Amino acid sequence: MPSSGKGAATPILISMGEPAGVGPEVAMAAFDHFGGQIGGRAIRLVGDADIFSSHRQALIPTKARAQRTPGRLDAANAPAVIEAIEIAVQACLAGEAAAVVTAPIHKAVLNSAGFGFPGHTEFLAHLTAAPRAVMMLASDQLRVVPLTIHMPIADVSGAISKQSVFDTGEIILTALRRDFGILNPRLAVAGLNPHAGEDGMLGGEDAAVIAPAVAALKARGFAVKGPLSADTLFHEEARKSYDAALCMYHDQALIPIKTLSFWDGVNVTLGLPIVRTSPDHGTALDIAGTGRADARSMIAAVKMAADMADARSR
């Protein structure tokens, strides 16, 4: 894409996502909500020219074409979906865009077309050569990171190590300072077991694995506390004591944020050299094309991307 010019604020890009889902709808709805601009930055859409035909003035088109039949997946659309992400990421890496907001993709249909990544996060890490990418779910009320994500509960304990807790905590704290403008970020680390192990009575992982990682982060000068009992970590008063919470598994992190911010939670990828956000929902094939798609999470994702881009530019 062409440069926005010396001194001009670089744009926020929204990739198309799965054409059969609600991604294109909420992308255009977010564009319209902001009037095509946020905080002095233009918003541009990246995807198939026909799918975004009503917004051609703001389009960065893919060479690969896609057909949109709401609710009906087609593996032939995969090249255009992948190319839209690649265009947006390369523009960010080249300094021609400030952030990418990705509309939801359908992992199974991409994988059936030969896409070799479990999802967006892994693909973005590959495109940006990031050693490790971390998923954060964020809203105005809460920021959470699940240490382990899509794995059975039975496998969680074995997947937690002192190094993984330390590395993830360090990435979170660095991002809170760099991307969210928090000069002295505070991190709460949840325990794995009920009551954070109850002094070993309810499991030994908290004392043997999590606590040493927290101590190591503190030794680096970070403001970290834990392991903390997860059942008292997310009420209103507790949330005032930290800027983000590192949780040990998927539901421990996602249940509280989806309870508090179901419609306006944002998926943020930490640890990348670029800013990336996404709405915290999937393709919603069942309501695509019906006019029932809710754009609040996409709107929040665009706003957060712009705020993060501004924080990085300071």
Protein backbone atom coordinates (compact mmCIF):
# COMPACT_ATOMS: atom_id res chain seq x y z
CA MET A 1 0.00 0.00 0.00
CA PRO A 2 1.25 3.55 -0.57
CA SER A 3 2.80 5.49 2.27
CA SER A 4 0.50 7.90 4.03
CA GLY A 5 3.16 10.59 3.71
CA LYS A 6 5.76 12.13 5.96
CA GLY A 7 4.26 13.32 9.22
CA ALA A 8 0.83 11.84 8.55
CA ALA A 9 -0.70 9.39 11.00
CA THR A 10 -0.58 5.90 9.56
CA PRO A 11 -3.91 4.07 9.18
CA ILE A 12 -5.61 1.28 11.10
CA LEU A 13 -6.26 -1.75 8.86
CA ILE A 14 -9.14 -4.21 9.25
CA SER A 15 -8.70 -7.56 7.50
CA MET A 16 -11.70 -9.26 5.91
CA GLY A 17 -11.79 -12.52 7.86
CA GLU A 18 -14.02 -15.41 6.79
CA PRO A 19 -16.29 -14.14 3.97
CA ALA A 20 -19.16 -16.44 4.94
CA GLY A 21 -19.21 -15.15 8.51
CA VAL A 22 -20.00 -11.83 10.14
CA GLY A 23 -16.46 -10.46 9.74
CA PRO A 24 -17.08 -8.29 6.68
CA GLU A 25 -20.32 -6.99 8.19
CA VAL A 26 -18.82 -5.91 11.51
CA ALA A 27 -15.73 -4.52 9.74
CA MET A 28 -17.89 -2.21 7.64
CA ALA A 29 -20.10 -1.39 10.62
CA ALA A 30 -17.04 -0.35 12.64
CA PHE A 31 -15.77 1.73 9.71
CA ASP A 32 -19.13 3.51 9.53
CA HIS A 33 -19.30 3.95 13.30
CA PHE A 34 -16.06 5.92 13.28
CA GLY A 35 -16.79 7.67 9.99
CA GLY A 36 -13.70 6.09 8.44
CA GLN A 37 -11.29 7.71 10.87
CA ILE A 38 -10.24 7.40 14.50
CA GLY A 39 -7.95 9.74 16.39
CA GLY A 40 -6.59 11.26 13.21
CA ARG A 41 -5.89 7.86 11.67
CA ALA A 42 -7.75 6.66 8.59
CA ILE A 43 -9.40 3.25 8.75
CA ARG A 44 -8.80 0.99 5.75
CA LEU A 45 -10.42 -2.33 4.89
CA VAL A 46 -8.36 -5.18 3.43
CA GLY A 47 -10.09 -7.86 1.40
CA ASP A 48 -12.02 -8.78 -1.72
CA ALA A 49 -13.21 -5.83 -3.82
CA ASP A 50 -16.71 -7.21 -4.33
CA ILE A 51 -17.27 -8.09 -0.67
CA PHE A 52 -16.31 -4.54 0.31
CA SER A 53 -17.86 -2.95 -2.79
CA SER A 54 -19.82 -0.40 -0.74
CA HIS A 55 -16.57 0.82 0.82
CA ARG A 56 -14.24 0.83 -2.19
CA GLN A 57 -12.88 4.27 -1.27
CA ALA A 58 -11.34 2.74 1.85
CA LEU A 59 -10.27 -0.58 0.35
CA ILE A 60 -6.90 -2.27 -0.01
CA PRO A 61 -7.91 -5.13 -2.33
CA THR A 62 -6.52 -8.64 -2.36
CA LYS A 63 -5.40 -10.12 -5.66
CA ALA A 64 -7.05 -13.41 -4.73
CA ARG A 65 -10.81 -13.22 -5.04
CA ALA A 66 -13.50 -14.47 -2.71
CA GLN A 67 -17.21 -15.22 -2.98
CA ARG A 68 -19.53 -14.34 -0.11
CA THR A 69 -22.47 -16.61 0.57
CA PRO A 70 -23.46 -15.93 4.18
CA GLY A 71 -23.28 -19.05 6.31
CA ARG A 72 -21.77 -21.23 3.58
CA LEU A 73 -18.06 -22.01 3.88
CA ASP A 74 -15.92 -22.44 0.78
CA ALA A 75 -12.26 -23.48 0.91
CA ALA A 76 -11.72 -21.61 -2.37
CA ASN A 77 -11.89 -18.38 -0.37
CA ALA A 78 -8.89 -19.32 1.77
CA PRO A 79 -6.22 -17.63 -0.42
CA ALA A 80 -8.01 -14.27 -0.20
CA VAL A 81 -8.50 -14.61 3.57
CA ILE A 82 -4.82 -15.40 4.08
CA GLU A 83 -3.66 -12.69 1.66
CA ALA A 84 -5.67 -10.03 3.51
CA ILE A 85 -3.86 -10.87 6.74
CA GLU A 86 -0.48 -10.90 4.98
CA ILE A 87 -1.10 -7.50 3.33
CA ALA A 88 -2.09 -5.93 6.64
CA VAL A 89 0.86 -7.39 8.55
CA GLN A 90 3.40 -6.41 5.91
CA ALA A 91 2.04 -2.85 5.88
CA CYS A 92 2.50 -2.67 9.65
CA LEU A 93 6.02 -4.09 9.46
CA ALA A 94 6.90 -1.54 6.77
CA GLY A 95 5.62 1.34 8.88
CA GLU A 96 2.82 2.05 6.41
CA ALA A 97 0.08 1.11 8.87
CA ALA A 98 -0.22 1.58 12.62
CA ALA A 99 -2.16 -1.57 13.53
CA VAL A 100 -4.12 -4.48 12.16
CA VAL A 101 -7.56 -5.48 13.41
CA THR A 102 -8.40 -8.97 12.22
CA ALA A 103 -11.96 -10.07 11.59
CA PRO A 104 -12.62 -13.69 12.64
CA ILE A 105 -11.36 -16.53 10.46
CA HIS A 106 -12.69 -20.07 10.27
CA LYS A 107 -9.74 -22.26 11.23
CA ALA A 108 -11.15 -25.55 9.96
CA VAL A 109 -11.87 -24.29 6.44
CA LEU A 110 -8.43 -22.67 6.21
CA ASN A 111 -6.76 -25.86 7.41
CA SER A 112 -8.69 -27.87 4.82
CA ALA A 113 -7.13 -25.58 2.20
CA GLY A 114 -3.62 -26.27 3.50
CA PHE A 115 -3.20 -23.42 6.01
CA GLY A 116 -0.52 -24.74 8.33
CA PHE A 117 -1.31 -22.78 11.51
CA PRO A 118 -3.76 -23.43 14.36
CA GLY A 119 -5.08 -19.88 14.16
CA HIS A 120 -4.44 -16.17 13.80
CA THR A 121 -2.00 -15.86 16.69
CA GLU A 122 0.42 -18.49 15.42
CA PHE A 123 0.24 -17.14 11.86
CA LEU A 124 0.94 -13.60 13.04
CA ALA A 125 3.90 -14.80 15.08
CA HIS A 126 5.22 -16.53 11.94
CA LEU A 127 4.73 -13.47 9.71
CA THR A 128 6.43 -11.15 12.18
CA ALA A 129 9.16 -13.59 13.30
CA ALA A 130 8.06 -13.08 16.91
CA PRO A 131 9.63 -15.66 19.25
CA ARG A 132 6.46 -15.91 21.31
CA ALA A 133 2.96 -14.46 20.99
CA VAL A 134 0.59 -14.18 23.94
CA MET A 135 -3.20 -13.87 23.82
CA MET A 136 -4.79 -11.24 26.04
CA LEU A 137 -8.52 -10.58 26.39
CA ALA A 138 -9.10 -6.99 27.37
CA SER A 139 -11.84 -4.49 28.11
CA ASP A 140 -12.26 -1.32 30.13
CA GLN A 141 -12.99 -3.48 33.18
CA LEU A 142 -10.44 -6.29 33.00
CA ARG A 143 -7.38 -7.63 31.18
CA VAL A 144 -6.64 -11.35 31.38
CA VAL A 145 -4.14 -13.73 29.81
CA PRO A 146 -4.61 -17.51 29.84
CA LEU A 147 -1.23 -19.24 30.21
CA THR A 148 -2.58 -22.38 28.56
CA ILE A 149 -5.35 -22.04 26.01
CA HIS A 150 -7.00 -24.79 24.02
CA MET A 151 -6.12 -27.96 25.88
CA PRO A 152 -7.98 -30.42 28.10
CA ILE A 153 -8.03 -29.61 31.80
CA ALA A 154 -6.29 -32.93 32.42
CA ASP A 155 -3.24 -31.63 30.52
CA VAL A 156 -3.01 -28.17 32.10
CA SER A 157 -0.90 -29.01 35.13
CA GLY A 158 1.80 -30.65 33.05
CA ALA A 159 1.92 -27.68 30.67
CA ILE A 160 2.69 -25.14 33.39
CA SER A 161 6.34 -24.46 34.14
CA LYS A 162 8.26 -21.80 36.03
CA GLN A 163 9.74 -20.65 32.72
CA SER A 164 6.39 -20.33 30.96
CA VAL A 165 4.90 -18.34 33.84
CA PHE A 166 7.97 -16.09 33.97
CA ASP A 167 8.17 -15.55 30.20
CA THR A 168 4.46 -14.86 29.82
CA GLY A 169 4.45 -12.52 32.80
CA GLU A 170 7.38 -10.58 31.38
CA ILE A 171 5.63 -10.20 28.00
CA ILE A 172 2.45 -8.97 29.70
CA LEU A 173 4.26 -6.43 31.86
CA THR A 174 6.29 -5.14 28.92
CA ALA A 175 3.13 -4.78 26.83
CA LEU A 176 1.25 -2.99 29.60
CA ARG A 177 3.98 -0.36 29.61
CA ARG A 178 4.57 -0.15 25.86
CA ASP A 179 1.09 -0.69 24.44
CA PHE A 180 -1.22 0.54 27.20
CA GLY A 181 0.87 3.42 28.52
CA ILE A 182 0.98 2.12 32.12
CA LEU A 183 4.29 3.34 33.52
CA ASN A 184 4.33 1.04 36.56
CA PRO A 185 2.21 -1.97 35.58
CA ARG A 186 0.90 -4.40 38.19
CA LEU A 187 0.33 -8.08 37.44
CA ALA A 188 -1.77 -10.53 39.45
CA VAL A 189 -0.98 -14.21 38.94
CA ALA A 190 -3.76 -16.71 39.64
CA GLY A 191 -3.07 -20.00 41.30
CA LEU A 192 -3.86 -23.26 39.56
CA ASN A 193 -5.62 -25.04 42.40
CA PRO A 194 -8.47 -23.95 44.68
CA HIS A 195 -7.21 -21.41 47.24
CA ALA A 196 -3.87 -21.41 45.37
CA GLY A 197 -3.13 -24.85 46.76
CA GLU A 198 -4.01 -24.16 50.42
CA ASP A 199 -0.37 -24.59 51.55
CA GLY A 200 -0.05 -27.80 49.56
CA MET A 201 -3.23 -29.44 50.84
CA LEU A 202 -5.01 -28.93 47.50
CA GLY A 203 -2.10 -29.40 45.12
CA GLY A 204 1.59 -28.62 44.98
CA GLU A 205 1.93 -26.74 41.69
CA ASP A 206 1.24 -23.31 43.18
CA ALA A 207 4.11 -23.46 45.67
CA ALA A 208 6.52 -25.49 43.53
CA VAL A 209 6.04 -23.84 40.11
CA ILE A 210 4.03 -20.62 40.16
CA ALA A 211 5.43 -19.00 43.32
CA PRO A 212 9.09 -19.27 42.18
CA ALA A 213 8.17 -17.69 38.83
CA VAL A 214 6.45 -14.80 40.64
CA ALA A 215 9.53 -14.39 42.84
CA ALA A 216 11.76 -14.27 39.76
CA LEU A 217 9.59 -11.57 38.20
CA LYS A 218 9.73 -9.56 41.43
CA ALA A 219 13.52 -9.91 41.43
CA ARG A 220 13.51 -8.24 38.02
CA GLY A 221 11.80 -5.22 39.56
CA PHE A 222 8.26 -5.96 38.39
CA ALA A 223 5.16 -5.40 40.54
CA VAL A 224 3.72 -8.90 40.69
CA LYS A 225 1.67 -10.76 43.26
CA GLY A 226 0.62 -14.38 43.45
CA PRO A 227 -0.23 -17.12 43.25
CA LEU A 228 -3.65 -15.83 44.26
CA SER A 229 -6.86 -17.71 44.79
CA ALA A 230 -8.82 -17.27 41.57
CA ASP A 231 -12.20 -17.23 43.28
CA THR A 232 -11.46 -13.86 44.90
CA LEU A 233 -9.44 -12.33 42.06
CA PHE A 234 -12.13 -10.80 39.87
CA HIS A 235 -14.59 -8.89 42.04
CA GLU A 236 -14.69 -5.12 41.67
CA GLU A 237 -12.44 -4.21 44.59
CA ALA A 238 -9.84 -6.85 43.70
CA ARG A 239 -9.64 -5.66 40.09
CA LYS A 240 -8.52 -2.21 41.29
CA SER A 241 -5.30 -3.74 42.65
CA TYR A 242 -3.82 -4.89 39.32
CA ASP A 243 -3.63 -3.95 35.63
CA ALA A 244 -3.78 -7.49 34.23
CA ALA A 245 -4.24 -11.01 35.53
CA LEU A 246 -2.26 -14.02 34.35
CA CYS A 247 -4.47 -17.09 34.62
CA MET A 248 -3.45 -20.71 34.36
CA TYR A 249 -6.06 -22.04 31.93
CA HIS A 250 -8.68 -21.02 29.38
CA ASP A 251 -11.87 -20.83 31.44
CA GLN A 252 -10.16 -19.32 34.48
CA ALA A 253 -9.40 -16.28 32.30
CA LEU A 254 -12.32 -16.17 29.89
CA ILE A 255 -15.24 -16.73 32.24
CA PRO A 256 -14.65 -13.50 34.22
CA ILE A 257 -14.03 -11.26 31.21
CA LYS A 258 -16.94 -12.66 29.24
CA THR A 259 -19.15 -12.17 32.28
CA LEU A 260 -18.05 -8.56 32.65
CA SER A 261 -17.52 -7.59 28.99
CA PHE A 262 -19.28 -10.08 26.75
CA TRP A 263 -20.05 -7.60 23.96
CA ASP A 264 -17.02 -5.35 24.09
CA GLY A 265 -14.10 -7.62 24.98
CA VAL A 266 -11.10 -7.48 22.66
CA ASN A 267 -8.55 -10.12 21.73
CA VAL A 268 -5.05 -8.58 21.78
CA THR A 269 -1.87 -10.33 20.70
CA LEU A 270 1.09 -9.39 22.89
CA GLY A 271 4.73 -9.99 22.04
CA LEU A 272 4.51 -8.96 18.38
CA PRO A 273 6.48 -6.12 16.79
CA ILE A 274 3.15 -4.82 15.47
CA VAL A 275 -0.18 -3.92 17.08
CA ARG A 276 -2.90 -6.52 16.54
CA THR A 277 -6.39 -6.68 17.99
CA SER A 278 -9.50 -8.65 17.10
CA PRO A 279 -13.10 -8.88 18.24
CA ASP A 280 -13.60 -11.50 20.93
CA HIS A 281 -16.01 -13.66 18.94
CA GLY A 282 -15.98 -16.12 16.08
CA THR A 283 -17.40 -16.16 12.58
CA ALA A 284 -21.04 -16.58 13.75
CA LEU A 285 -22.04 -18.35 10.56
CA ASP A 286 -25.57 -18.88 11.88
CA ILE A 287 -26.39 -15.16 11.85
CA ALA A 288 -24.22 -13.98 8.94
CA GLY A 289 -26.21 -11.95 6.46
CA THR A 290 -29.26 -11.66 8.72
CA GLY A 291 -28.54 -8.15 9.98
CA ARG A 292 -28.20 -9.45 13.53
CA ALA A 293 -24.40 -9.22 13.81
CA ASP A 294 -23.31 -7.09 16.77
CA ALA A 295 -20.36 -4.84 15.94
CA ARG A 296 -19.57 -3.69 19.49
CA SER A 297 -16.57 -5.99 19.92
CA MET A 298 -15.14 -4.94 16.53
CA ILE A 299 -15.69 -1.28 17.40
CA ALA A 300 -13.88 -1.84 20.70
CA ALA A 301 -11.07 -3.66 18.86
CA VAL A 302 -10.56 -0.73 16.49
CA LYS A 303 -10.52 1.75 19.36
CA MET A 304 -8.04 -0.35 21.34
CA ALA A 305 -5.81 -0.77 18.29
CA ALA A 306 -5.73 3.01 17.81
CA ASP A 307 -4.98 3.61 21.49
CA MET A 308 -2.18 1.03 21.43
CA ALA A 309 -0.71 2.51 18.25
CA ASP A 310 -0.71 5.94 19.87
CA ALA A 311 0.98 4.54 22.99
CA ARG A 312 3.74 2.99 20.88
CA SER A 313 4.30 6.23 18.97
CA ARG A 314 4.87 8.32 22.10
